[in-house]
């Protein structure tokens, strides 16, 4: 009967019923915590390992092909997190923290961006402070998952990334438990509006009017940080855009996420045949907004599609 109930809850959660996912978590939270304690002892790290596993599982729940096996699946995620923490204690370089569960193997499977779950998490993120929201959005909802990358985009140290993620996991878990049965039409509509506006901004930049876009959308003293290595103001961004678009490079925006005053873009560069290596293949941009205008922009480049 227990497995049948778990299977029913998983199928309901996969169909978008977040109250079912919350019920599933509460059924097995004690067992998952015991799994973490067995490896890490009675420490805060054990609770962090459980919360991290649950957030990752929430994103990858559509990939679970055997709902009746959800408990071993969750425990495996917890054990993976614990092993990463144990390696970190021994000062061994930690693998990409995004690799907590088996990767997607079917081309038809995509990262979770389905309305019910995404809106539930967006509403939970809205209740967190902006600095914590930034690292949480990058860690769980973008291709930027390594602490060093997140640190560069946010202009903070890797240790600060770790502490903000720890605080964010706990706060978000509490938010999700409190809002599991709520309706989030407003959050979904706001996300769609931000995506449309982001696409319009990118389109305006591509048609040659990026100077006006930057002047209108960025605060006069907005800070621009590139990979944690190059720092400047709006003029730096204008120079970068001019260098990019004058070479006939295209930009394809493929993912956005917004939470109050934090906006995340992921995009691909489309280099011309005459200069196929003009720009790196991918870009992630993290925007901190004040009254709807950009106060800070962090930029990171990648060599492959983050999805």
Protein backbone atom coordinates (compact mmCIF):
# COMPACT_ATOMS: atom_id res chain seq x y z
CA UNK A 1 0.00 0.00 0.00
CA UNK A 2 2.85 2.40 0.81
CA UNK A 3 4.43 1.96 -2.62
CA UNK A 4 1.05 2.39 -4.29
CA UNK A 5 0.50 5.66 -2.42
CA UNK A 6 3.98 6.87 -3.34
CA UNK A 7 3.37 5.99 -6.97
CA UNK A 8 0.06 7.84 -6.93
CA UNK A 9 1.64 10.92 -5.38
CA UNK A 10 4.50 10.91 -7.90
CA UNK A 11 2.15 10.65 -10.87
CA UNK A 12 0.04 13.48 -9.50
CA UNK A 13 3.13 15.61 -8.94
CA UNK A 14 4.40 14.87 -12.45
CA UNK A 15 1.04 16.12 -13.72
CA UNK A 16 1.53 19.42 -11.88
CA UNK A 17 -0.06 18.77 -8.48
CA UNK A 18 2.46 20.35 -6.14
CA UNK A 19 0.44 19.49 -3.05
CA UNK A 20 1.11 15.85 -3.96
CA UNK A 21 4.85 16.51 -4.10
CA UNK A 22 4.70 18.22 -0.71
CA UNK A 23 2.84 15.24 0.72
CA UNK A 24 5.42 12.86 -0.75
CA UNK A 25 8.25 14.84 0.82
CA UNK A 26 6.64 14.86 4.25
CA UNK A 27 6.08 11.08 4.07
CA UNK A 28 9.78 10.41 3.60
CA UNK A 29 11.58 13.42 5.09
CA UNK A 30 12.58 11.48 8.21
CA UNK A 31 14.02 8.60 6.18
CA UNK A 32 15.95 10.97 3.92
CA UNK A 33 17.32 12.83 6.92
CA UNK A 34 18.38 9.53 8.49
CA UNK A 35 20.23 8.67 5.26
CA UNK A 36 22.13 11.95 5.46
CA UNK A 37 22.90 11.61 9.16
CA UNK A 38 24.32 8.13 8.59
CA UNK A 39 26.96 9.68 6.32
CA UNK A 40 27.46 13.14 7.80
CA UNK A 41 26.42 12.84 11.43
CA UNK A 42 24.11 15.18 13.31
CA UNK A 43 25.21 18.38 11.56
CA UNK A 44 23.62 21.20 9.60
CA UNK A 45 25.23 19.65 6.52
CA UNK A 46 22.85 16.70 6.78
CA UNK A 47 19.80 18.93 6.54
CA UNK A 48 21.41 20.84 3.65
CA UNK A 49 22.01 17.59 1.78
CA UNK A 50 18.33 16.66 2.11
CA UNK A 51 17.05 20.07 1.03
CA UNK A 52 19.39 20.18 -1.97
CA UNK A 53 18.28 16.71 -3.05
CA UNK A 54 14.59 17.63 -2.78
CA UNK A 55 15.00 20.78 -4.86
CA UNK A 56 16.88 18.88 -7.54
CA UNK A 57 14.33 16.06 -7.46
CA UNK A 58 11.54 18.58 -7.92
CA UNK A 59 13.15 19.79 -11.12
CA UNK A 60 13.84 16.29 -12.45
CA UNK A 61 10.66 14.59 -11.35
CA UNK A 62 9.37 14.25 -14.94
CA UNK A 63 12.41 12.08 -15.68
CA UNK A 64 11.48 9.45 -13.08
CA UNK A 65 10.24 6.57 -15.23
CA UNK A 66 9.31 4.24 -12.35
CA UNK A 67 7.26 6.23 -9.82
CA UNK A 68 7.18 3.26 -7.44
CA UNK A 69 10.98 3.62 -7.08
CA UNK A 70 10.80 7.21 -5.88
CA UNK A 71 12.18 6.52 -2.38
CA UNK A 72 15.43 4.83 -3.55
CA UNK A 73 15.71 7.61 -6.15
CA UNK A 74 15.48 10.30 -3.48
CA UNK A 75 17.86 8.50 -1.14
CA UNK A 76 20.41 8.17 -3.95
CA UNK A 77 20.24 11.94 -4.48
CA UNK A 78 20.80 12.53 -0.76
CA UNK A 79 23.78 10.13 -0.69
CA UNK A 80 25.31 11.88 -3.71
CA UNK A 81 25.05 15.22 -1.93
CA UNK A 82 26.58 13.77 1.23
CA UNK A 83 29.52 12.32 -0.69
CA UNK A 84 30.15 15.70 -2.29
CA UNK A 85 30.22 17.33 1.13
CA UNK A 86 32.60 14.68 2.45
CA UNK A 87 34.94 15.24 -0.50
CA UNK A 88 34.80 18.99 0.15
CA UNK A 89 35.79 18.42 3.79
CA UNK A 90 38.90 16.63 2.52
CA UNK A 91 39.73 19.60 0.27
CA UNK A 92 39.21 17.53 -2.86
CA UNK A 93 37.80 19.56 -5.79
CA UNK A 94 34.04 19.01 -5.88
CA UNK A 95 32.39 18.01 -9.13
CA UNK A 96 29.73 20.22 -10.71
CA UNK A 97 27.04 20.40 -7.98
CA UNK A 98 24.36 20.22 -10.65
CA UNK A 99 25.20 16.58 -11.31
CA UNK A 100 23.17 15.21 -8.44
CA UNK A 101 21.02 12.77 -10.38
CA UNK A 102 21.53 10.82 -13.64
CA UNK A 103 21.53 13.14 -16.66
CA UNK A 104 18.70 13.30 -19.15
CA UNK A 105 19.25 10.65 -21.80
CA UNK A 106 16.37 11.20 -24.21
CA UNK A 107 16.56 14.16 -26.62
CA UNK A 108 12.85 14.68 -26.09
CA UNK A 109 13.25 15.33 -22.37
CA UNK A 110 13.85 18.95 -21.36
CA UNK A 111 14.76 20.75 -18.19
CA UNK A 112 11.75 21.37 -16.04
CA UNK A 113 10.00 24.54 -17.10
CA UNK A 114 6.45 23.26 -16.87
CA UNK A 115 3.98 25.83 -15.65
CA UNK A 116 2.68 24.45 -12.35
CA UNK A 117 6.03 23.53 -10.84
CA UNK A 118 7.88 26.54 -12.22
CA UNK A 119 5.27 28.94 -10.87
CA UNK A 120 5.31 27.26 -7.46
CA UNK A 121 9.06 27.71 -7.22
CA UNK A 122 8.93 31.28 -8.54
CA UNK A 123 6.49 32.23 -5.82
CA UNK A 124 8.74 30.59 -3.24
CA UNK A 125 11.78 32.48 -4.58
CA UNK A 126 9.88 35.77 -4.39
CA UNK A 127 9.90 35.43 -0.61
CA UNK A 128 13.71 35.34 -0.41
CA UNK A 129 16.12 38.28 -0.27
CA UNK A 130 17.62 39.44 -3.56
CA UNK A 131 21.21 38.23 -2.84
CA UNK A 132 19.92 34.75 -1.99
CA UNK A 133 17.55 34.71 -4.96
CA UNK A 134 20.46 35.42 -7.30
CA UNK A 135 22.50 32.41 -6.25
CA UNK A 136 19.43 30.15 -6.06
CA UNK A 137 18.29 31.09 -9.57
CA UNK A 138 21.73 30.41 -10.98
CA UNK A 139 22.32 27.19 -9.06
CA UNK A 140 18.98 25.54 -9.77
CA UNK A 141 17.56 27.22 -12.87
CA UNK A 142 20.44 27.89 -15.22
CA UNK A 143 23.42 26.16 -16.77
CA UNK A 144 25.70 27.99 -14.32
CA UNK A 145 26.05 25.63 -11.37
CA UNK A 146 29.70 25.71 -10.27
CA UNK A 147 30.34 27.87 -7.24
CA UNK A 148 33.18 29.75 -8.95
CA UNK A 149 30.92 30.68 -11.87
CA UNK A 150 28.13 31.84 -9.59
CA UNK A 151 30.61 33.84 -7.52
CA UNK A 152 31.91 35.63 -10.63
CA UNK A 153 28.41 36.49 -11.85
CA UNK A 154 27.27 37.79 -8.47
CA UNK A 155 30.51 39.54 -7.54
CA UNK A 156 31.00 37.55 -4.33
CA UNK A 157 33.31 34.82 -3.03
CA UNK A 158 32.65 31.07 -3.45
CA UNK A 159 32.32 30.78 0.34
CA UNK A 160 29.57 33.39 0.27
CA UNK A 161 27.87 31.45 -2.53
CA UNK A 162 27.89 28.34 -0.33
CA UNK A 163 26.44 30.14 2.69
CA UNK A 164 23.72 31.87 0.64
CA UNK A 165 22.75 28.59 -0.98
CA UNK A 166 22.53 26.97 2.43
CA UNK A 167 20.28 29.74 3.72
CA UNK A 168 18.30 29.75 0.49
CA UNK A 169 17.62 26.02 0.51
CA UNK A 170 16.19 26.18 4.00
CA UNK A 171 14.11 29.28 3.35
CA UNK A 172 12.80 28.02 0.02
CA UNK A 173 11.88 24.64 1.48
CA UNK A 174 9.83 26.45 4.11
CA UNK A 175 8.20 28.66 1.47
CA UNK A 176 7.31 25.65 -0.67
CA UNK A 177 5.75 23.81 2.25
CA UNK A 178 3.62 26.86 3.05
CA UNK A 179 2.46 27.44 -0.53
CA UNK A 180 2.00 23.92 -1.89
CA UNK A 181 -1.74 24.32 -2.39
CA UNK A 182 -1.77 27.90 -3.65
CA UNK A 183 -2.52 29.12 -7.17
CA UNK A 184 0.22 30.99 -9.01
CA UNK A 185 -1.40 32.37 -12.15
CA UNK A 186 0.06 35.78 -11.33
CA UNK A 187 3.61 34.44 -11.05
CA UNK A 188 3.29 32.58 -14.34
CA UNK A 189 1.89 35.62 -16.13
CA UNK A 190 4.71 37.78 -14.76
CA UNK A 191 7.30 35.25 -15.97
CA UNK A 192 5.77 35.19 -19.45
CA UNK A 193 5.73 38.98 -19.55
CA UNK A 194 9.41 39.13 -18.59
CA UNK A 195 10.28 36.61 -21.29
CA UNK A 196 8.43 38.63 -23.93
CA UNK A 197 10.07 41.85 -22.77
CA UNK A 198 13.51 40.20 -22.74
CA UNK A 199 12.99 38.93 -26.29
CA UNK A 200 11.98 42.43 -27.37
CA UNK A 201 15.07 43.93 -25.74
CA UNK A 202 17.35 41.44 -27.51
CA UNK A 203 15.51 42.06 -30.80
CA UNK A 204 15.96 45.82 -30.41
CA UNK A 205 19.66 45.35 -29.81
CA UNK A 206 19.98 43.20 -32.91
CA UNK A 207 18.27 45.76 -35.17
CA UNK A 208 20.93 48.37 -34.43
CA UNK A 209 19.26 50.37 -31.66
CA UNK A 210 21.20 48.83 -28.78
CA UNK A 211 22.56 52.24 -27.77
CA UNK A 212 19.05 53.51 -27.03
CA UNK A 213 18.13 50.26 -25.27
CA UNK A 214 21.15 50.49 -22.96
CA UNK A 215 20.48 54.14 -22.19
CA UNK A 216 16.82 53.52 -21.41
CA UNK A 217 17.07 50.21 -19.55
CA UNK A 218 20.32 50.66 -17.59
CA UNK A 219 20.85 53.09 -14.73
CA UNK A 220 23.46 55.74 -15.61
CA UNK A 221 25.81 54.26 -12.99
CA UNK A 222 24.98 50.61 -13.66
CA UNK A 223 27.86 48.21 -13.02
CA UNK A 224 28.87 45.62 -15.60
CA UNK A 225 30.96 42.63 -14.51
CA UNK A 226 32.33 40.18 -17.10
CA UNK A 227 33.44 36.79 -15.72
CA UNK A 228 34.62 38.50 -12.53
CA UNK A 229 37.61 39.76 -14.54
CA UNK A 230 36.48 42.90 -16.36
CA UNK A 231 34.50 45.64 -14.65
CA UNK A 232 32.94 48.77 -16.03
CA UNK A 233 29.83 50.83 -16.61
CA UNK A 234 27.37 51.21 -19.48
CA UNK A 235 30.14 52.29 -21.84
CA UNK A 236 31.82 48.90 -21.41
CA UNK A 237 28.60 47.16 -22.39
CA UNK A 238 28.14 49.46 -25.40
CA UNK A 239 31.67 48.65 -26.59
CA UNK A 240 31.00 44.92 -26.20
CA UNK A 241 27.71 45.11 -28.08
CA UNK A 242 29.27 47.16 -30.87
CA UNK A 243 32.11 44.64 -31.21
CA UNK A 244 29.60 41.78 -31.31
CA UNK A 245 26.92 43.10 -33.62
CA UNK A 246 29.28 44.87 -36.04
CA UNK A 247 30.62 41.40 -36.84
CA UNK A 248 27.12 40.18 -37.79
CA UNK A 249 26.86 37.93 -34.76
CA UNK A 250 23.33 36.87 -33.87
CA UNK A 251 21.93 36.22 -30.40
CA UNK A 252 19.27 33.63 -29.66
CA UNK A 253 17.61 33.95 -26.25
CA UNK A 254 16.54 30.46 -25.16
CA UNK A 255 15.77 30.78 -21.43
CA UNK A 256 14.75 33.51 -19.02
CA UNK A 257 13.74 33.52 -15.39
CA UNK A 258 12.61 36.44 -13.27
CA UNK A 259 11.96 36.77 -9.56
CA UNK A 260 10.99 40.27 -8.44
CA UNK A 261 14.11 42.40 -8.97
CA UNK A 262 16.40 39.64 -10.29
CA UNK A 263 16.41 38.60 -13.94
CA UNK A 264 18.33 35.74 -15.56
CA UNK A 265 19.03 35.29 -19.28
CA UNK A 266 20.63 32.35 -21.08
CA UNK A 267 21.45 32.85 -24.76
CA UNK A 268 23.41 31.40 -27.67
CA UNK A 269 25.67 33.40 -29.97
CA UNK A 270 25.30 32.67 -33.68
CA UNK A 271 28.62 33.51 -35.27
CA UNK A 272 28.86 34.25 -39.01
CA UNK A 273 30.51 31.65 -41.30
CA UNK A 274 33.29 34.11 -42.01
CA UNK A 275 34.23 34.30 -38.31
CA UNK A 276 32.89 31.15 -36.58
CA UNK A 277 34.83 31.77 -33.35
CA UNK A 278 34.08 35.46 -32.91
CA UNK A 279 32.02 34.92 -29.74
CA UNK A 280 31.80 31.98 -27.32
CA UNK A 281 28.85 29.68 -28.02
CA UNK A 282 26.80 30.63 -24.96
CA UNK A 283 26.19 33.46 -22.52
CA UNK A 284 24.51 33.81 -19.13
CA UNK A 285 23.53 37.26 -17.87
CA UNK A 286 22.32 38.03 -14.35
CA UNK A 287 20.58 41.38 -13.86
CA UNK A 288 19.90 43.15 -10.57
CA UNK A 289 17.09 45.65 -11.11
CA UNK A 290 16.10 48.82 -9.30
CA UNK A 291 12.74 50.31 -10.20
CA UNK A 292 12.70 48.30 -13.41
CA UNK A 293 16.16 49.39 -14.61
CA UNK A 294 19.44 47.48 -14.49
CA UNK A 295 21.67 48.42 -11.56
CA UNK A 296 24.16 45.58 -12.04
CA UNK A 297 24.79 43.05 -14.80
CA UNK A 298 26.99 39.98 -14.42
CA UNK A 299 28.05 38.14 -17.58
CA UNK A 300 29.51 34.66 -17.97
CA UNK A 301 30.42 32.79 -21.14
CA UNK A 302 30.38 29.07 -21.86
CA UNK A 303 31.66 26.65 -24.44
CA UNK A 304 28.53 24.52 -24.73
CA UNK A 305 24.77 24.77 -24.39
CA UNK A 306 23.97 24.73 -20.65
CA UNK A 307 20.75 22.74 -21.04
